[in-house]
Protein backbone atom coordinates (compact mmCIF):
# COMPACT_ATOMS: atom_id res chain seq x y z
CA MET A 1 2.63 -19.06 -26.69
CA ASN A 2 5.01 -16.19 -25.93
CA GLU A 3 6.97 -16.41 -22.70
CA ILE A 4 6.07 -13.70 -20.22
CA LYS A 5 8.91 -11.24 -19.84
CA THR A 6 9.16 -9.97 -16.28
CA PRO A 7 10.47 -6.43 -15.76
CA THR A 8 13.74 -5.40 -14.18
CA THR A 9 11.62 -3.35 -11.77
CA TYR A 10 7.96 -3.16 -10.86
CA LEU A 11 8.28 0.47 -9.79
CA VAL A 12 7.04 3.38 -11.86
CA GLU A 13 9.56 5.06 -14.14
CA ASN A 14 11.83 7.57 -12.44
CA CYS A 15 10.30 6.56 -9.11
CA ILE A 16 10.57 9.29 -6.48
CA MET A 17 9.99 8.10 -2.93
CA PRO A 18 7.36 10.25 -1.14
CA PHE A 19 8.72 9.53 2.34
CA CYS A 20 10.67 11.85 4.61
CA LYS A 21 14.43 12.01 4.11
CA GLY A 22 16.06 9.12 5.96
CA CYS A 23 12.79 7.21 6.46
CA GLY A 24 13.23 3.45 6.35
CA HIS A 25 10.18 3.03 4.11
CA SER A 26 12.27 3.96 1.06
CA HIS A 27 14.68 1.09 1.77
CA ILE A 28 11.80 -1.32 2.31
CA VAL A 29 10.10 -0.45 -0.98
CA ARG A 30 13.28 -0.86 -3.02
CA LYS A 31 14.26 -4.12 -1.35
CA LEU A 32 10.75 -5.50 -1.83
CA ASP A 33 10.95 -4.60 -5.52
CA GLU A 34 14.37 -6.28 -5.77
CA ALA A 35 13.05 -9.46 -4.14
CA MET A 36 10.05 -9.66 -6.46
CA VAL A 37 12.24 -9.20 -9.54
CA ARG A 38 14.52 -12.01 -8.36
CA LEU A 39 11.46 -14.23 -7.92
CA ASN A 40 10.67 -13.57 -11.60
CA LEU A 41 7.00 -12.96 -10.80
CA ASP A 42 4.45 -12.17 -13.47
CA PRO A 43 3.06 -8.72 -12.52
CA LYS A 44 -0.52 -9.92 -12.89
CA ASN A 45 0.20 -12.54 -10.22
CA ILE A 46 1.34 -9.99 -7.63
CA ASN A 47 -1.09 -8.27 -5.29
CA LEU A 48 0.21 -5.63 -2.87
CA VAL A 49 -2.22 -4.91 -0.02
CA SER A 50 -1.35 -1.74 1.88
CA ASP A 51 -2.52 -0.42 5.23
CA ILE A 52 -3.31 3.10 6.39
CA GLY A 53 -0.18 5.04 7.36
CA CYS A 54 2.89 6.31 5.55
CA ILE A 55 3.56 2.78 4.27
CA GLY A 56 0.24 3.00 2.44
CA LEU A 57 1.80 5.43 -0.05
CA VAL A 58 3.42 2.47 -1.81
CA ASP A 59 0.34 1.99 -4.00
CA SER A 60 1.31 4.76 -6.39
CA LEU A 61 4.94 3.63 -6.55
CA PHE A 62 4.30 0.28 -8.22
CA LYS A 63 3.32 0.36 -11.88
CA THR A 64 2.30 -3.16 -12.88
CA PRO A 65 1.27 -5.29 -9.85
CA HIS A 66 -2.27 -5.17 -8.47
CA THR A 67 -2.63 -2.91 -5.42
CA VAL A 68 -5.38 -2.75 -2.78
CA HIS A 69 -5.45 0.03 -0.17
CA THR A 70 -7.44 -0.91 2.93
CA THR A 71 -8.75 0.48 6.20
CA HIS A 72 -6.45 0.85 9.20
CA GLY A 73 -5.26 -2.48 10.56
CA ARG A 74 -7.39 -4.55 8.18
CA SER A 75 -4.86 -5.12 5.39
CA THR A 76 -4.05 -8.66 6.55
CA ALA A 77 -7.75 -9.53 6.68
CA PHE A 78 -8.26 -8.24 3.13
CA ALA A 79 -5.17 -10.12 1.97
CA THR A 80 -6.37 -13.33 3.62
CA GLY A 81 -9.70 -13.09 1.83
CA ILE A 82 -7.99 -12.42 -1.50
CA GLU A 83 -5.67 -15.39 -1.02
CA LEU A 84 -8.50 -17.72 0.03
CA ALA A 85 -10.49 -16.77 -3.08
CA ASP A 86 -7.46 -17.36 -5.29
CA CYS A 87 -6.44 -20.71 -3.82
CA ILE A 88 -9.94 -22.17 -3.52
CA LEU A 89 -11.80 -20.69 -6.50
CA PHE A 90 -9.00 -19.90 -8.96
CA ASP A 91 -5.53 -21.15 -9.87
CA SER A 92 -3.59 -20.25 -6.69
CA LYS A 93 -0.87 -18.41 -8.60
CA LEU A 94 -1.33 -15.06 -6.87
CA LYS A 95 1.38 -13.81 -4.52
CA THR A 96 -0.28 -11.58 -1.94
CA ILE A 97 1.98 -9.24 0.04
CA VAL A 98 0.87 -7.00 2.91
CA LEU A 99 2.61 -3.74 3.80
CA ILE A 100 1.64 -2.59 7.28
CA GLY A 101 3.11 -0.40 10.04
CA ASP A 102 3.53 -1.24 13.72
CA GLY A 103 0.46 0.86 14.57
CA GLY A 104 -1.73 -0.92 12.06
CA SER A 105 -0.38 -4.31 13.08
CA MET A 106 -1.65 -3.81 16.62
CA ILE A 107 -5.02 -2.45 15.45
CA GLY A 108 -5.37 -5.57 13.31
CA PHE A 109 -3.48 -7.92 15.62
CA LEU A 110 -6.03 -10.75 15.53
CA HIS A 111 -6.08 -10.63 11.72
CA LEU A 112 -2.36 -11.43 11.78
CA VAL A 113 -2.87 -14.21 14.30
CA GLN A 114 -5.68 -15.78 12.29
CA ALA A 115 -3.73 -15.57 9.00
CA ALA A 116 -0.81 -17.34 10.67
CA LEU A 117 -3.08 -19.98 12.19
CA LEU A 118 -4.72 -20.63 8.84
CA ASN A 119 -1.29 -20.65 7.19
CA VAL A 120 -2.56 -18.76 4.16
CA ASP A 121 0.09 -18.02 1.55
CA VAL A 122 0.42 -14.34 2.48
CA THR A 123 3.64 -12.44 3.18
CA VAL A 124 3.42 -9.59 5.69
CA ILE A 125 6.04 -6.83 5.59
CA LEU A 126 5.78 -5.10 8.97
CA ALA A 127 7.49 -1.68 8.90
CA ASN A 128 8.27 -0.95 12.55
CA ASN A 129 9.37 2.60 13.39
CA PHE A 130 8.02 2.38 16.97
CA LEU A 131 5.17 4.88 16.49
CA PHE A 132 2.22 6.09 14.43
CA GLY A 133 4.12 8.15 11.87
CA MET A 134 1.25 9.46 9.76
CA THR A 135 -1.12 10.63 12.50
CA GLY A 136 1.26 12.66 14.66
CA GLY A 137 3.88 10.33 16.11
CA GLN A 138 1.83 8.74 18.90
CA ASN A 139 3.38 5.79 20.70
CA SER A 140 2.43 2.31 19.52
CA SER A 141 2.48 -1.20 20.95
CA ALA A 142 6.03 -1.50 19.56
CA SER A 143 7.44 1.60 21.29
CA PRO A 144 10.46 0.66 23.46
CA ILE A 145 10.67 1.50 27.16
CA ASP A 146 11.64 5.19 27.68
CA PHE A 147 10.83 5.99 24.05
CA ILE A 148 9.74 9.62 23.70
CA THR A 149 6.76 10.50 21.52
CA PRO A 150 4.17 13.32 21.60
CA THR A 151 1.93 11.05 23.70
CA THR A 152 4.78 9.82 25.95
CA PRO A 153 6.80 13.04 26.46
CA ASN A 154 8.51 11.65 29.58
CA GLY A 155 9.26 8.30 27.98
CA ASN A 156 7.16 5.20 27.34
CA ILE A 157 6.49 3.05 30.43
CA VAL A 158 4.74 0.12 28.70
CA PRO A 159 6.92 -2.74 27.40
CA PRO A 160 6.78 -3.35 23.63
CA LEU A 161 4.96 -6.28 22.09
CA ASP A 162 7.18 -8.85 20.37
CA MET A 163 5.17 -9.39 17.17
CA CYS A 164 7.60 -11.98 15.82
CA LYS A 165 7.22 -14.10 18.95
CA MET A 166 3.44 -13.78 18.70
CA MET A 167 3.54 -15.01 15.10
CA ILE A 168 5.75 -17.96 16.03
CA ASP A 169 3.29 -18.83 18.81
CA SER A 170 0.54 -18.62 16.15
CA HIS A 171 2.33 -21.39 14.18
CA ALA A 172 3.71 -19.20 11.40
CA GLY A 173 6.21 -21.10 9.26
CA PHE A 174 8.47 -18.16 8.38
CA VAL A 175 9.27 -15.25 10.72
CA ALA A 176 12.18 -12.83 10.49
CA ARG A 177 13.28 -9.53 11.99
CA LYS A 178 15.65 -7.25 10.09
CA ILE A 179 16.83 -3.63 10.05
CA SER A 180 15.85 -1.63 6.98
CA THR A 181 19.48 -0.93 6.05
CA ASP A 182 20.64 -4.57 6.31
CA LYS A 183 22.44 -5.63 3.14
CA ASP A 184 20.63 -8.95 3.04
CA LEU A 185 17.14 -7.52 3.50
CA ALA A 186 16.13 -8.34 -0.08
CA ASP A 187 17.35 -11.93 0.43
CA VAL A 188 15.12 -12.34 3.50
CA ILE A 189 12.09 -10.81 1.76
CA PHE A 190 12.78 -13.12 -1.19
CA LYS A 191 12.67 -16.17 1.09
CA ALA A 192 9.53 -14.92 2.85
CA ILE A 193 7.58 -14.50 -0.39
CA ALA A 194 8.82 -17.84 -1.72
CA HIS A 195 7.77 -19.62 1.48
CA PRO A 196 4.61 -21.71 0.81
CA GLY A 197 2.45 -20.42 3.64
CA PHE A 198 2.17 -17.48 6.01
CA ALA A 199 5.33 -15.40 6.44
CA LEU A 200 6.13 -12.22 8.35
CA VAL A 201 9.19 -10.00 8.12
CA GLU A 202 9.39 -7.27 10.77
CA ILE A 203 11.68 -4.48 9.58
CA ILE A 204 13.07 -2.09 12.21
CA GLU A 205 13.51 1.42 10.84
CA LEU A 206 13.79 5.12 11.64
CA CYS A 207 11.06 7.74 11.61
CA THR A 208 13.03 10.91 11.00
CA GLU A 209 10.02 13.16 11.58
CA TYR A 210 8.85 12.06 15.03
CA ALA A 211 11.39 9.58 16.43
CA THR A 212 14.89 10.87 15.75
CA PRO A 213 14.27 14.47 16.95
CA PHE A 214 13.32 13.26 20.45
CA ASN A 215 15.34 10.07 20.85
CA LYS A 216 19.03 9.30 20.43
CA LEU A 217 18.56 7.19 17.34
CA THR A 218 20.93 6.11 14.62
CA GLY A 219 21.09 3.02 12.45
CA LYS A 220 23.41 1.44 15.00
CA ALA A 221 21.08 2.37 17.86
CA LEU A 222 18.33 0.28 16.28
CA GLN A 223 20.40 -2.85 16.91
CA GLU A 224 20.80 -1.80 20.55
CA ILE A 225 17.04 -1.27 20.93
CA VAL A 226 16.36 -4.78 19.61
CA ASN A 227 18.88 -6.22 22.06
CA LYS A 228 17.47 -4.19 24.97
CA ASN A 229 14.00 -5.50 24.14
CA GLY A 230 15.35 -9.03 24.49
CA GLN A 231 14.70 -9.70 20.82
CA GLU A 232 16.78 -11.16 18.00
CA LEU A 233 17.56 -10.24 14.42
CA GLY A 234 17.65 -12.56 11.41
CA ILE A 235 15.41 -15.39 10.27
CA LEU A 236 13.84 -16.60 13.52
CA ILE A 237 11.94 -19.56 12.12
CA GLU A 238 11.82 -21.18 8.68
CA LYS A 239 10.00 -24.49 8.52
CA GLN A 240 7.23 -26.19 6.62
CA GLU A 241 5.61 -28.59 9.03
CA ARG A 242 2.20 -28.21 7.41
CA ASN A 243 0.85 -27.35 3.99
CA GLU A 244 -0.55 -23.93 3.26
CA PHE A 245 -4.29 -23.49 3.66
CA GLY A 246 -5.26 -23.84 -0.01
CA VAL A 247 -3.61 -27.24 -0.31
CA VAL A 248 -5.21 -28.52 2.91
CA TYR A 249 -8.63 -27.20 1.94
CA SER A 250 -8.48 -28.72 -1.55
CA SER A 251 -7.61 -32.12 -0.10
CA LYS A 252 -10.54 -31.92 2.32
CA PHE A 253 -13.02 -30.49 -0.17
CA PRO A 254 -11.97 -31.45 -3.71
CA LYS A 255 -13.65 -29.61 -6.55
CA LYS A 256 -16.49 -31.51 -8.17
CA ILE A 257 -15.70 -32.51 -11.74
CA ILE A 258 -18.73 -31.77 -13.90
CA SER A 259 -19.14 -33.78 -17.09
CA GLU A 260 -19.82 -32.07 -20.40
CA THR A 261 -23.35 -33.54 -20.36
CA GLU A 262 -23.99 -32.02 -16.94
CA LYS A 263 -22.63 -28.67 -18.09
CA VAL A 264 -24.98 -28.60 -21.07
CA SER A 265 -27.91 -29.66 -18.91
CA GLU A 266 -27.08 -27.10 -16.22
CA SER A 267 -26.77 -24.28 -18.76
CA ALA A 268 -30.06 -25.24 -20.44
CA ASN A 269 -31.91 -25.22 -17.13
CA ARG A 270 -30.34 -22.20 -15.44
CA ILE A 271 -29.15 -19.61 -17.95
CA TYR A 272 -31.56 -16.97 -19.21
CA GLU A 273 -31.41 -14.12 -21.69
CA ASN A 274 -31.56 -10.47 -20.62
CA ASN A 275 -32.61 -7.19 -22.19
CA LEU A 276 -30.24 -4.73 -20.54
CA LYS A 277 -28.09 -2.33 -22.52
CA ARG A 278 -26.31 -0.65 -19.60
CA LYS A 279 -25.81 -0.72 -15.85
CA ILE A 280 -28.83 0.25 -13.77
CA GLY A 281 -29.19 1.11 -10.09
CA ILE A 282 -32.09 -0.15 -7.97
CA ILE A 283 -32.88 0.94 -4.39
CA LEU A 284 -35.14 -1.33 -2.32
CA ALA A 285 -36.40 0.18 0.95
CA GLY A 286 -38.53 -1.39 3.67
CA SER A 287 -38.54 -2.50 7.30
CA ALA A 288 -36.49 -4.92 9.34
CA GLY A 289 -38.04 -8.39 9.18
CA GLY A 290 -39.46 -7.72 5.72
CA LYS A 291 -36.78 -9.78 3.99
CA VAL A 292 -35.68 -6.71 2.03
CA GLN A 293 -32.03 -7.67 1.81
CA SER A 294 -32.85 -11.34 1.21
CA ALA A 295 -35.14 -10.35 -1.66
CA ALA A 296 -32.42 -8.14 -3.12
CA ARG A 297 -29.97 -11.02 -2.89
CA MET A 298 -32.40 -13.31 -4.75
CA PHE A 299 -32.78 -10.60 -7.38
CA CYS A 300 -28.98 -10.50 -7.78
CA GLU A 301 -28.83 -14.29 -8.06
CA ALA A 302 -31.53 -14.19 -10.73
CA ALA A 303 -29.58 -11.48 -12.58
CA VAL A 304 -26.50 -13.72 -12.56
CA LEU A 305 -28.58 -16.54 -14.05
CA ALA A 306 -29.50 -14.08 -16.80
CA ASN A 307 -25.82 -13.50 -17.65
CA LEU A 308 -25.68 -10.14 -15.87
CA LYS A 309 -23.10 -8.71 -13.48
CA CYS A 310 -24.35 -7.44 -10.14
CA THR A 311 -23.40 -5.83 -6.82
CA GLN A 312 -25.40 -5.41 -3.60
CA LYS A 313 -24.88 -2.98 -0.73
CA ASN A 314 -27.05 -3.24 2.40
CA ASP A 315 -27.82 -0.84 5.24
CA ASN A 316 -29.80 -1.22 8.46
CA PRO A 317 -29.68 0.13 12.05
CA VAL A 318 -27.49 -1.45 14.69
CA THR A 319 -30.68 -2.77 16.28
CA GLN A 320 -31.10 -5.23 13.35
CA GLY A 321 -34.64 -6.31 14.28
CA SER A 322 -36.30 -2.89 14.15
CA GLY A 323 -36.29 0.20 11.95
CA PHE A 324 -35.45 0.40 8.27
CA SER A 325 -33.84 -2.10 5.92
CA LEU A 326 -32.20 -0.88 2.73
CA SER A 327 -30.53 -2.57 -0.20
CA GLU A 328 -28.84 -0.95 -3.19
CA VAL A 329 -28.37 -3.17 -6.22
CA CYS A 330 -26.46 -2.52 -9.43
CA ILE A 331 -26.86 -4.87 -12.40
CA GLY A 332 -25.52 -4.62 -15.92
CA PRO A 333 -24.28 -6.52 -18.96
CA THR A 334 -20.63 -5.63 -18.32
CA GLU A 335 -18.32 -5.58 -15.32
CA ILE A 336 -19.36 -3.05 -12.65
CA PHE A 337 -16.49 -0.90 -11.44
CA TYR A 338 -18.47 1.77 -9.59
CA THR A 339 -21.07 0.43 -7.15
CA GLY A 340 -22.51 3.74 -6.05
CA ILE A 341 -26.00 4.82 -7.16
CA ASP A 342 -25.90 8.55 -7.79
CA ASP A 343 -29.04 8.63 -9.98
CA PRO A 344 -31.29 5.61 -9.32
CA ASP A 345 -33.18 4.08 -12.22
CA VAL A 346 -35.63 2.30 -9.93
CA VAL A 347 -36.75 2.88 -6.32
CA ILE A 348 -39.03 0.32 -4.63
CA ILE A 349 -40.59 1.21 -1.26
CA VAL A 350 -42.73 -1.16 0.80
CA SER A 351 -42.94 0.50 4.24
CA GLN A 352 -42.96 3.80 6.09
CA ASP A 353 -39.57 2.95 7.63
CA GLY A 354 -38.18 2.82 4.09
CA ILE A 355 -39.61 6.24 3.26
CA ARG A 356 -38.13 7.78 6.42
CA GLU A 357 -34.69 6.42 5.65
CA LEU A 358 -34.75 7.64 2.05
CA GLN A 359 -35.92 11.05 3.30
CA SER A 360 -32.99 11.22 5.71
CA LYS A 361 -30.68 10.57 2.77
CA LYS A 362 -32.47 13.27 0.72
CA ILE A 363 -33.13 10.74 -2.05
CA PHE A 364 -36.55 11.99 -3.20
CA SER A 365 -35.39 15.51 -4.07
CA THR A 366 -32.63 14.14 -6.31
CA LEU A 367 -34.67 11.61 -8.33
CA SER A 368 -34.82 12.43 -12.03
CA SER A 369 -37.86 12.22 -14.31
CA SER A 370 -36.47 9.02 -15.84
CA CYS A 371 -36.57 7.21 -12.48
CA VAL A 372 -39.40 4.77 -11.75
CA VAL A 373 -40.76 4.48 -8.19
CA PHE A 374 -42.85 1.50 -7.08
CA VAL A 375 -44.49 2.26 -3.73
CA ASP A 376 -47.19 0.61 -1.66
CA GLU A 377 -50.47 2.44 -2.24
CA SER A 378 -50.96 3.02 1.50
CA LEU A 379 -47.85 5.22 1.75
CA GLU A 380 -47.50 8.96 1.15
CA LEU A 381 -44.41 10.08 -0.71
CA PRO A 382 -42.62 13.44 -0.51
CA GLU A 383 -42.60 15.49 -3.70
CA THR A 384 -40.42 13.99 -6.42
CA ASN A 385 -39.82 14.29 -10.17
CA ALA A 386 -39.78 10.52 -10.61
CA ASN A 387 -42.55 8.46 -12.23
CA VAL A 388 -44.52 7.01 -9.30
CA TYR A 389 -46.59 3.84 -9.49
CA ARG A 390 -48.74 3.04 -6.43
CA LEU A 391 -49.44 -0.67 -6.04
CA PRO A 392 -51.29 -2.77 -3.41
CA PHE A 393 -48.33 -4.76 -2.09
CA SER A 394 -49.54 -4.76 1.53
CA LYS A 395 -53.06 -5.88 0.55
CA MET A 396 -51.97 -8.84 -1.53
CA CYS A 397 -48.70 -9.99 0.05
CA LYS A 398 -47.55 -11.16 3.45
CA PRO A 399 -45.16 -8.69 5.19
CA ASN A 400 -42.12 -10.93 4.70
CA LYS A 401 -42.85 -11.32 0.96
CA MET A 402 -43.68 -7.74 0.04
CA ALA A 403 -40.13 -6.85 -1.03
CA ALA A 404 -39.74 -9.99 -3.14
CA SER A 405 -43.17 -9.43 -4.68
CA ALA A 406 -42.35 -5.83 -5.52
CA LEU A 407 -39.16 -6.94 -7.27
CA LEU A 408 -41.07 -9.54 -9.24
CA GLY A 409 -43.53 -6.84 -10.22
CA TYR A 410 -40.67 -4.71 -11.51
CA ILE A 411 -39.19 -7.63 -13.45
CA SER A 412 -42.61 -8.36 -14.96
CA ALA A 413 -43.16 -4.74 -15.96
CA SER A 414 -39.69 -4.05 -17.33
CA ASP A 415 -38.87 -7.47 -18.79
CA ILE A 416 -35.18 -6.94 -18.05
CA PHE A 417 -34.92 -10.72 -17.78
CA PRO A 418 -37.46 -13.59 -17.54
CA VAL A 419 -39.48 -13.74 -14.33
CA GLU A 420 -38.73 -17.49 -14.14
CA ALA A 421 -35.14 -16.73 -13.14
CA PHE A 422 -36.53 -15.06 -10.01
CA THR A 423 -39.57 -17.21 -9.22
CA GLU A 424 -37.55 -20.43 -9.10
CA LEU A 425 -35.30 -18.89 -6.46
CA PHE A 426 -38.35 -17.64 -4.56
CA LYS A 427 -39.82 -21.14 -4.36
CA ILE A 428 -36.56 -22.51 -3.00
CA LYS A 429 -36.12 -19.66 -0.51
CA PHE A 430 -39.65 -19.77 0.89
CA ARG A 431 -40.22 -23.50 0.24
CA SER A 432 -43.47 -22.52 -1.41
CA GLU A 433 -45.21 -23.13 -4.71
CA GLU A 434 -47.77 -20.34 -4.16
CA GLU A 435 -47.99 -17.37 -6.46
CA PHE A 436 -46.53 -14.03 -5.37
CA PHE A 437 -49.84 -12.29 -5.97
CA PRO A 438 -53.01 -12.85 -8.07
CA LYS A 439 -52.79 -13.09 -11.85
CA GLU A 440 -54.89 -9.95 -12.31
CA PHE A 441 -52.30 -8.06 -10.32
CA ILE A 442 -49.54 -9.44 -12.54
CA GLU A 443 -51.48 -8.18 -15.56
CA LYS A 444 -51.81 -4.76 -13.95
CA ILE A 445 -48.04 -4.64 -13.41
CA LYS A 446 -47.38 -5.67 -17.00
CA SER A 447 -49.65 -2.91 -18.29
CA ILE A 448 -47.18 -0.31 -16.98
CA ASN A 449 -45.39 1.12 -20.01
CA PHE A 450 -41.65 1.45 -19.62
CA ASN A 451 -39.67 3.57 -22.07
CA ALA A 452 -36.36 3.20 -20.25
CA ASP A 453 -33.16 3.64 -22.23
CA TYR A 454 -31.60 0.63 -20.54
CA ILE A 455 -34.02 -1.91 -22.06
CA ASN A 456 -33.46 -3.27 -25.55
CA GLU A 457 -36.14 -2.81 -28.13
CA LYS A 458 -38.04 -6.02 -28.83
CA ASN A 459 -37.68 -7.62 -32.24
């Protein structure tokens, strides 16, 4: 086996920093790259999770590591989920590093606290320039007293939050505060990433666009601001009093070792064949309480048992218990990279609420002639080019089983995979051995002739 050769840099060739001249982000990016190279990390085992803000521009600067760009303040939450999946379900080799600004850190403050409490093996690089640099220079929770910003033109009157102290109080094992131009910044980042557990490095820096024009700021002045805030620079805490979350979890819940006999038995009982040639998109629309999303989830589970990949996206009103319920499902024989459904292959509608919601999304006018629509016979549809099949779901099924029954009808008619993959899950879910609907209805469903391009021809 060839030894993996790590690069001398993870940055793109001839990397040009996109930040303003003098911005501390450029220093942070280069020192982070230097630290990762010194750690000799395999690029496939690095995951950079970036937040909204100027710091989020780092995604395009790194060539080989994985990158995930998140919503504002939620980068630590995303990173925590990624790390938990890696340490519990995979091999725990991934190094997950968060890049977040002081604005985002306050928006997602509790995500940082929870990550520290869990002690997940995530390193947070907190770029603190005392304001929201990307959205107009507004003051943040880190703005010093008397700091001038567009939203505090006469000087800030609210004391800054000490994020490092908050992380120490949240039982973080490694916490440091540095200035972006410190010569040993790469050393500190190196130690933070190497630390087995949660680590945070707050890096004090300049925003040359919104901070320096209104405040007497220089590199030296940053040290004075830290002192005036009653804070310290350097590594503030470095200890390992407890194991990181993955180790603790594995000791509490060890993975079950399955014998080869059990594996063969499990495969024989649970794995089915499928007849899909490509990814298809299915929209299931009904009413709250109709188990629409639960039925879609069972359909996805059945698809997995048939060796298919799947995704599910749900939608419903804030009210939860009233109005529409919608589920969009993609299944296919290969990995699904795009989960949107621009041109549905199948639309299943079991209530008037479902019709209203699809109308509001202008779905009917965009359906192509290759799309198949299953709709309860009691419902009136708007004009559409799709192939419409009206079926007596409401006559033959209980309200909370209509969606599941409609999906079984589609499986029966299309034969994309065996109905047994779905019915076994149905029996477990509803604790019932009863049939979905009468056999004559099953025969009626099967008589529907599908000529879809996504179904293999039978031998």
